[in-house]
Amino acid sequence: MRRLLTQNDLTYLQSALEAGRFVLMERELPGLRLTVSTAAAPPVWGVPMLIRLERVRGHIYSTQYFQSVEEMIRYI
């Protein structure tokens, strides 16, 4: 999955997270769709913005939130 997101994608995502901007990136391979976006975080997170990673593999959908690009990279 890491090959779906380039270093430029990760840099763009990090700068959007730091600036509090909403971004949405969609990437696809046969059998896998990846959507990465930024979103305002609820107060309980203790940070202003989060990264949302959505994965669809066939009929299986999952979503996960992260506080940083580094945390997301470790997950995927």
C-alpha atoms as a PDB file:
ATOM      1  CA  MET A   1       0.000   0.000   0.000  1.00  0.00           C
ATOM      2  CA  ARG A   2       2.898   2.362   0.590  1.00  0.00           C
ATOM      3  CA  ARG A   3       3.549   2.492  -3.126  1.00  0.00           C
ATOM      4  CA  LEU A   4       0.143   4.094  -3.652  1.00  0.00           C
ATOM      5  CA  LEU A   5       1.255   7.228  -1.802  1.00  0.00           C
ATOM      6  CA  THR A   6       4.329   9.024  -3.095  1.00  0.00           C
ATOM      7  CA  GLN A   7       6.664  11.138  -0.989  1.00  0.00           C
ATOM      8  CA  ASN A   8       5.044  14.200  -2.595  1.00  0.00           C
ATOM      9  CA  ASP A   9       1.618  12.938  -1.470  1.00  0.00           C
ATOM     10  CA  LEU A  10       2.862  12.515   2.097  1.00  0.00           C
ATOM     11  CA  THR A  11       4.499  15.952   2.128  1.00  0.00           C
ATOM     12  CA  TYR A  12       1.302  17.535   0.780  1.00  0.00           C
ATOM     13  CA  LEU A  13      -0.756  15.702   3.405  1.00  0.00           C
ATOM     14  CA  GLN A  14       1.571  16.805   6.222  1.00  0.00           C
ATOM     15  CA  SER A  15       1.474  20.452   5.139  1.00  0.00           C
ATOM     16  CA  ALA A  16      -2.339  20.361   4.911  1.00  0.00           C
ATOM     17  CA  LEU A  17      -2.529  18.825   8.384  1.00  0.00           C
ATOM     18  CA  GLU A  18      -0.263  21.533   9.831  1.00  0.00           C
ATOM     19  CA  ALA A  19      -2.173  24.339   8.065  1.00  0.00           C
ATOM     20  CA  GLY A  20      -5.608  22.996   9.052  1.00  0.00           C
ATOM     21  CA  ARG A  21      -6.685  22.529   5.420  1.00  0.00           C
ATOM     22  CA  PHE A  22      -8.997  19.854   4.100  1.00  0.00           C
ATOM     23  CA  VAL A  23      -7.506  17.602   1.422  1.00  0.00           C
ATOM     24  CA  LEU A  24      -8.709  14.412  -0.223  1.00  0.00           C
ATOM     25  CA  MET A  25      -6.577  11.927  -2.160  1.00  0.00           C
ATOM     26  CA  GLU A  26      -7.840   8.782  -3.832  1.00  0.00           C
ATOM     27  CA  ARG A  27      -5.589   6.047  -5.161  1.00  0.00           C
ATOM     28  CA  GLU A  28      -6.470   2.719  -6.727  1.00  0.00           C
ATOM     29  CA  LEU A  29      -4.932  -0.608  -7.625  1.00  0.00           C
ATOM     30  CA  PRO A  30      -6.842  -3.649  -8.873  1.00  0.00           C
ATOM     31  CA  GLY A  31      -8.769  -4.888  -5.850  1.00  0.00           C
ATOM     32  CA  LEU A  32      -7.781  -1.988  -3.572  1.00  0.00           C
ATOM     33  CA  ARG A  33      -9.054   1.574  -3.231  1.00  0.00           C
ATOM     34  CA  LEU A  34      -7.381   3.957  -0.810  1.00  0.00           C
ATOM     35  CA  THR A  35      -8.802   7.310   0.257  1.00  0.00           C
ATOM     36  CA  VAL A  36      -6.774   9.634   2.486  1.00  0.00           C
ATOM     37  CA  SER A  37      -8.212  12.878   3.789  1.00  0.00           C
ATOM     38  CA  THR A  38      -7.792  15.413   6.563  1.00  0.00           C
ATOM     39  CA  ALA A  39     -10.598  16.342   8.927  1.00  0.00           C
ATOM     40  CA  ALA A  40     -11.199  18.496  11.959  1.00  0.00           C
ATOM     41  CA  ALA A  41     -10.649  16.479  15.122  1.00  0.00           C
ATOM     42  CA  PRO A  42     -13.159  16.248  17.960  1.00  0.00           C
ATOM     43  CA  PRO A  43     -11.848  17.882  21.178  1.00  0.00           C
ATOM     44  CA  VAL A  44     -11.202  14.502  22.806  1.00  0.00           C
ATOM     45  CA  TRP A  45      -8.247  13.908  20.428  1.00  0.00           C
ATOM     46  CA  GLY A  46      -6.366  16.947  21.728  1.00  0.00           C
ATOM     47  CA  VAL A  47      -5.210  17.971  18.230  1.00  0.00           C
ATOM     48  CA  PRO A  48      -6.895  20.286  15.710  1.00  0.00           C
ATOM     49  CA  MET A  49      -6.760  17.972  12.657  1.00  0.00           C
ATOM     50  CA  LEU A  50      -6.615  14.250  11.902  1.00  0.00           C
ATOM     51  CA  ILE A  51      -5.790  12.098   8.904  1.00  0.00           C
ATOM     52  CA  ARG A  52      -8.468   9.617   7.864  1.00  0.00           C
ATOM     53  CA  LEU A  53      -7.395   6.522   5.945  1.00  0.00           C
ATOM     54  CA  GLU A  54     -10.131   4.516   4.228  1.00  0.00           C
ATOM     55  CA  ARG A  55      -9.414   1.193   2.522  1.00  0.00           C
ATOM     56  CA  VAL A  56     -11.689  -0.904   0.359  1.00  0.00           C
ATOM     57  CA  ARG A  57     -10.548  -4.397  -0.628  1.00  0.00           C
ATOM     58  CA  GLY A  58     -13.309  -6.118  -2.518  1.00  0.00           C
ATOM     59  CA  HIS A  59     -16.266  -6.020  -0.140  1.00  0.00           C
ATOM     60  CA  ILE A  60     -14.199  -5.202   2.958  1.00  0.00           C
ATOM     61  CA  TYR A  61     -14.166  -1.584   4.126  1.00  0.00           C
ATOM     62  CA  SER A  62     -12.028  -0.160   6.931  1.00  0.00           C
ATOM     63  CA  THR A  63     -11.292   3.306   8.217  1.00  0.00           C
ATOM     64  CA  GLN A  64      -8.725   4.579  10.692  1.00  0.00           C
ATOM     65  CA  TYR A  65      -7.777   8.001  12.063  1.00  0.00           C
ATOM     66  CA  PHE A  66      -4.223   9.202  12.726  1.00  0.00           C
ATOM     67  CA  GLN A  67      -2.683  12.260  14.353  1.00  0.00           C
ATOM     68  CA  SER A  68       0.319  12.388  11.993  1.00  0.00           C
ATOM     69  CA  VAL A  69       1.627  11.164   8.665  1.00  0.00           C
ATOM     70  CA  GLU A  70       4.316   9.156  10.476  1.00  0.00           C
ATOM     71  CA  GLU A  71       1.686   7.324  12.515  1.00  0.00           C
ATOM     72  CA  MET A  72      -0.258   6.497   9.341  1.00  0.00           C
ATOM     73  CA  ILE A  73       2.885   5.205   7.586  1.00  0.00           C
ATOM     74  CA  ARG A  74       3.621   2.849  10.496  1.00  0.00           C
ATOM     75  CA  TYR A  75       0.062   1.515  10.232  1.00  0.00           C
ATOM     76  CA  ILE A  76       0.094   0.842   6.513  1.00  0.00           C
END
